[in-house]
Amino acid sequence: MYIRFLLAVPALLLSQLAVGQHLRFGVKAGANYSRDKVKHTVGPDRLLGINGGLVARYSLTEDGFWSIQSELLYSAKGAKDKYGSTTTGARTTNYYHRNYLDLPILTKINAKGLTFEAGPQLSYLLSFKNDVNNDLYEQPQRRDFNSLQLGYVAGIGYELPSGPNITLRYCGDITHPLQYSPTRNSVFQAQLGYMFGAKQ
């Protein structure tokens, strides 16, 4: 049901905004640098992951200065803990992986190629896996996670009129991935993309 909802939102935007507006589609892919953020707590460390997916953009002005952009992205998030310990007392590195389907809906400004974007993001948890070297550790269950996350996105980038673009952004969660923990996803993203169809 959640997947159908995520797919329905871009379709609804398309039906409402496509008429009389300049519409472009694109693709993008890049890297995540994420961690679990806890208020007033240092750590855990950030974990590298990937992101990528589809883009739909609806220009609200003839020159493309104002637009609304929705994306549907696979996004690998999580964290690593270098200070975990085993039952023998040895140091180890624990990895916490969470894979999401992200749906950001952004207001975008294009000032002669320099772009600014911000807006809300809805995320659906696809899968999770924790690699922990501790005999006493119990893997969390699906019921321990909140399947839907509400967050926000803000970024800056540069785009050529012919379509190639680069984006640097920050994505933060407002809600918690785990039901019993106050952690939130905190993700820096670097993305390369391409928008099909040159600007009119």
Protein backbone atom coordinates (compact mmCIF):
# COMPACT_ATOMS: atom_id res chain seq x y z
CA MET A 1 0.00 0.00 0.00
CA TYR A 2 2.85 2.41 0.86
CA ILE A 3 4.54 1.80 -2.50
CA ARG A 4 1.33 2.60 -4.37
CA PHE A 5 1.00 5.82 -2.40
CA LEU A 6 4.57 6.89 -3.20
CA LEU A 7 4.06 6.20 -6.90
CA ALA A 8 0.68 7.96 -6.96
CA VAL A 9 2.01 11.32 -5.71
CA PRO A 10 4.22 12.10 -8.75
CA ALA A 11 1.41 10.97 -11.06
CA LEU A 12 -1.00 13.35 -9.33
CA LEU A 13 1.44 16.24 -9.64
CA LEU A 14 1.95 15.43 -13.30
CA SER A 15 -1.77 15.50 -14.06
CA GLN A 16 -2.24 18.83 -12.31
CA LEU A 17 0.83 20.69 -13.52
CA ALA A 18 1.67 19.33 -16.94
CA VAL A 19 -1.04 21.28 -18.76
CA GLY A 20 0.40 24.47 -20.16
CA GLN A 21 3.73 24.04 -18.37
CA HIS A 22 7.14 22.97 -19.52
CA LEU A 23 7.76 19.39 -18.40
CA ARG A 24 11.06 17.52 -18.32
CA PHE A 25 12.13 14.10 -17.08
CA GLY A 26 15.54 12.97 -15.97
CA VAL A 27 17.72 10.53 -14.10
CA LYS A 28 20.28 10.94 -11.34
CA ALA A 29 22.68 8.87 -9.24
CA GLY A 30 25.26 9.53 -6.60
CA ALA A 31 26.61 8.88 -3.12
CA ASN A 32 25.16 9.13 0.40
CA TYR A 33 27.19 9.99 3.48
CA SER A 34 24.83 9.17 6.33
CA ARG A 35 24.66 8.57 10.06
CA ASP A 36 22.15 8.18 12.88
CA LYS A 37 21.77 11.57 14.51
CA VAL A 38 20.96 11.70 18.23
CA LYS A 39 20.43 15.01 20.01
CA HIS A 40 23.29 15.97 22.37
CA THR A 41 25.23 12.83 21.37
CA VAL A 42 28.49 12.49 19.41
CA GLY A 43 28.55 9.53 16.98
CA PRO A 44 28.01 7.05 15.52
CA ASP A 45 30.16 7.62 12.42
CA ARG A 46 28.92 8.23 8.90
CA LEU A 47 28.52 5.43 6.37
CA LEU A 48 28.93 5.62 2.59
CA GLY A 49 26.01 4.46 0.44
CA ILE A 50 24.45 5.04 -2.95
CA ASN A 51 21.37 6.80 -4.28
CA GLY A 52 19.72 6.99 -7.68
CA GLY A 53 16.44 7.17 -9.53
CA LEU A 54 14.04 9.22 -11.62
CA VAL A 55 13.23 12.94 -11.76
CA ALA A 56 10.19 14.87 -13.02
CA ARG A 57 10.31 18.69 -13.20
CA TYR A 58 7.50 21.14 -13.89
CA SER A 59 8.56 24.69 -14.82
CA LEU A 60 6.25 27.35 -13.43
CA THR A 61 7.82 30.19 -15.44
CA GLU A 62 8.73 30.46 -19.10
CA ASP A 63 12.43 30.94 -18.36
CA GLY A 64 12.59 27.99 -15.96
CA PHE A 65 13.51 30.17 -12.97
CA TRP A 66 10.81 28.61 -10.75
CA SER A 67 9.91 24.92 -10.89
CA ILE A 68 8.61 22.02 -8.86
CA GLN A 69 10.69 18.86 -8.94
CA SER A 70 9.66 15.44 -7.67
CA GLU A 71 12.04 12.49 -7.47
CA LEU A 72 11.74 8.78 -6.78
CA LEU A 73 15.09 7.55 -5.45
CA TYR A 74 16.59 4.40 -4.01
CA SER A 75 18.70 5.60 -1.07
CA ALA A 76 21.06 3.53 1.10
CA LYS A 77 21.38 5.05 4.58
CA GLY A 78 22.70 4.00 7.97
CA ALA A 79 25.75 4.39 10.19
CA LYS A 80 28.81 2.62 11.54
CA ASP A 81 30.07 2.35 15.10
CA LYS A 82 33.83 2.01 15.47
CA TYR A 83 33.62 1.69 19.21
CA GLY A 84 31.52 -1.43 19.58
CA SER A 85 33.06 -4.31 21.53
CA THR A 86 32.78 -8.08 21.39
CA THR A 87 32.32 -10.41 24.37
CA THR A 88 36.13 -10.84 24.43
CA GLY A 89 36.67 -7.11 24.81
CA ALA A 90 38.16 -6.61 21.35
CA ARG A 91 37.35 -3.50 19.33
CA THR A 92 35.27 -3.90 16.19
CA THR A 93 33.23 -1.93 13.67
CA ASN A 94 29.48 -2.40 13.56
CA TYR A 95 27.45 -1.47 10.48
CA TYR A 96 23.77 -0.49 10.42
CA HIS A 97 22.20 -0.50 6.95
CA ARG A 98 18.75 0.83 6.01
CA ASN A 99 17.55 1.06 2.41
CA TYR A 100 14.78 3.49 1.52
CA LEU A 101 12.61 4.64 -1.35
CA ASP A 102 12.71 8.44 -1.09
CA LEU A 103 10.14 10.84 -2.54
CA PRO A 104 11.32 14.46 -2.23
CA ILE A 105 9.03 17.19 -3.60
CA LEU A 106 11.13 20.30 -4.06
CA THR A 107 10.74 23.93 -4.98
CA LYS A 108 13.64 24.68 -7.31
CA ILE A 109 15.23 27.94 -8.46
CA ASN A 110 17.49 28.09 -11.52
CA ALA A 111 19.46 31.34 -11.62
CA LYS A 112 21.36 31.11 -14.91
CA GLY A 113 22.52 27.58 -14.15
CA LEU A 114 23.05 27.93 -10.41
CA THR A 115 20.27 25.97 -8.71
CA PHE A 116 18.75 26.05 -5.23
CA GLU A 117 16.21 23.52 -3.95
CA ALA A 118 14.27 22.77 -0.78
CA GLY A 119 11.19 20.88 0.27
CA PRO A 120 9.69 17.93 2.18
CA GLN A 121 10.61 14.29 1.70
CA LEU A 122 8.70 11.09 2.38
CA SER A 123 10.71 7.87 2.76
CA TYR A 124 9.61 4.22 2.80
CA LEU A 125 11.83 1.57 4.40
CA LEU A 126 12.60 -1.18 1.88
CA SER A 127 15.02 -3.32 3.89
CA PHE A 128 17.52 -3.28 6.76
CA LYS A 129 20.55 -5.25 7.91
CA ASN A 130 22.84 -4.80 10.90
CA ASP A 131 26.35 -6.30 10.82
CA VAL A 132 27.28 -6.43 14.50
CA ASN A 133 30.15 -8.52 15.92
CA ASN A 134 28.61 -9.23 19.30
CA ASP A 135 27.30 -12.61 20.39
CA LEU A 136 24.76 -10.96 22.70
CA TYR A 137 23.28 -8.73 20.00
CA GLU A 138 19.78 -9.49 18.73
CA GLN A 139 18.82 -8.34 15.25
CA PRO A 140 15.86 -5.92 15.22
CA GLN A 141 12.64 -7.05 13.58
CA ARG A 142 10.55 -5.26 10.97
CA ARG A 143 8.04 -4.32 13.68
CA ASP A 144 10.80 -2.36 15.45
CA PHE A 145 11.03 0.10 12.54
CA ASN A 146 8.72 2.86 11.38
CA SER A 147 8.12 2.10 7.71
CA LEU A 148 7.44 5.74 6.75
CA GLN A 149 9.74 8.66 7.49
CA LEU A 150 8.98 12.35 7.11
CA GLY A 151 11.91 14.62 6.43
CA TYR A 152 13.25 17.61 4.52
CA VAL A 153 15.77 18.36 1.78
CA ALA A 154 17.87 21.43 0.98
CA GLY A 155 20.53 21.67 -1.69
CA ILE A 156 22.54 23.63 -4.21
CA GLY A 157 23.82 22.69 -7.64
CA TYR A 158 24.62 23.63 -11.19
CA GLU A 159 22.83 22.65 -14.40
CA LEU A 160 23.63 23.17 -18.08
CA PRO A 161 20.73 24.07 -20.42
CA SER A 162 21.44 20.85 -22.37
CA GLY A 163 20.65 18.70 -19.32
CA PRO A 164 23.77 17.61 -17.34
CA ASN A 165 23.72 18.71 -13.70
CA ILE A 166 25.36 18.23 -10.33
CA THR A 167 23.71 18.58 -6.91
CA LEU A 168 24.93 18.72 -3.32
CA ARG A 169 22.21 18.41 -0.69
CA TYR A 170 21.39 17.61 2.90
CA CYS A 171 18.49 15.35 3.88
CA GLY A 172 17.26 15.18 7.46
CA ASP A 173 14.44 13.26 9.10
CA ILE A 174 11.81 14.73 11.40
CA THR A 175 10.51 11.33 12.52
CA HIS A 176 12.44 8.35 13.95
CA PRO A 177 13.47 5.21 12.00
CA LEU A 178 13.28 3.02 15.12
CA GLN A 179 10.24 3.03 17.38
CA TYR A 180 12.31 2.66 20.58
CA SER A 181 15.18 5.05 19.72
CA PRO A 182 15.33 8.87 19.30
CA THR A 183 17.73 8.57 16.33
CA ARG A 184 17.09 10.31 13.01
CA ASN A 185 18.59 9.79 9.56
CA SER A 186 21.12 12.51 8.65
CA VAL A 187 22.36 12.31 5.06
CA PHE A 188 24.65 14.36 2.84
CA GLN A 189 24.20 13.57 -0.86
CA ALA A 190 26.28 14.24 -3.98
CA GLN A 191 24.49 13.52 -7.26
CA LEU A 192 25.13 13.65 -11.00
CA GLY A 193 22.07 13.86 -13.22
CA TYR A 194 20.71 14.47 -16.67
CA MET A 195 17.43 16.15 -17.69
CA PHE A 196 16.04 15.06 -21.06
CA GLY A 197 14.65 17.65 -23.43
CA ALA A 198 16.43 20.96 -23.85
CA LYS A 199 14.80 24.07 -22.41
CA GLN A 200 12.48 25.88 -24.78
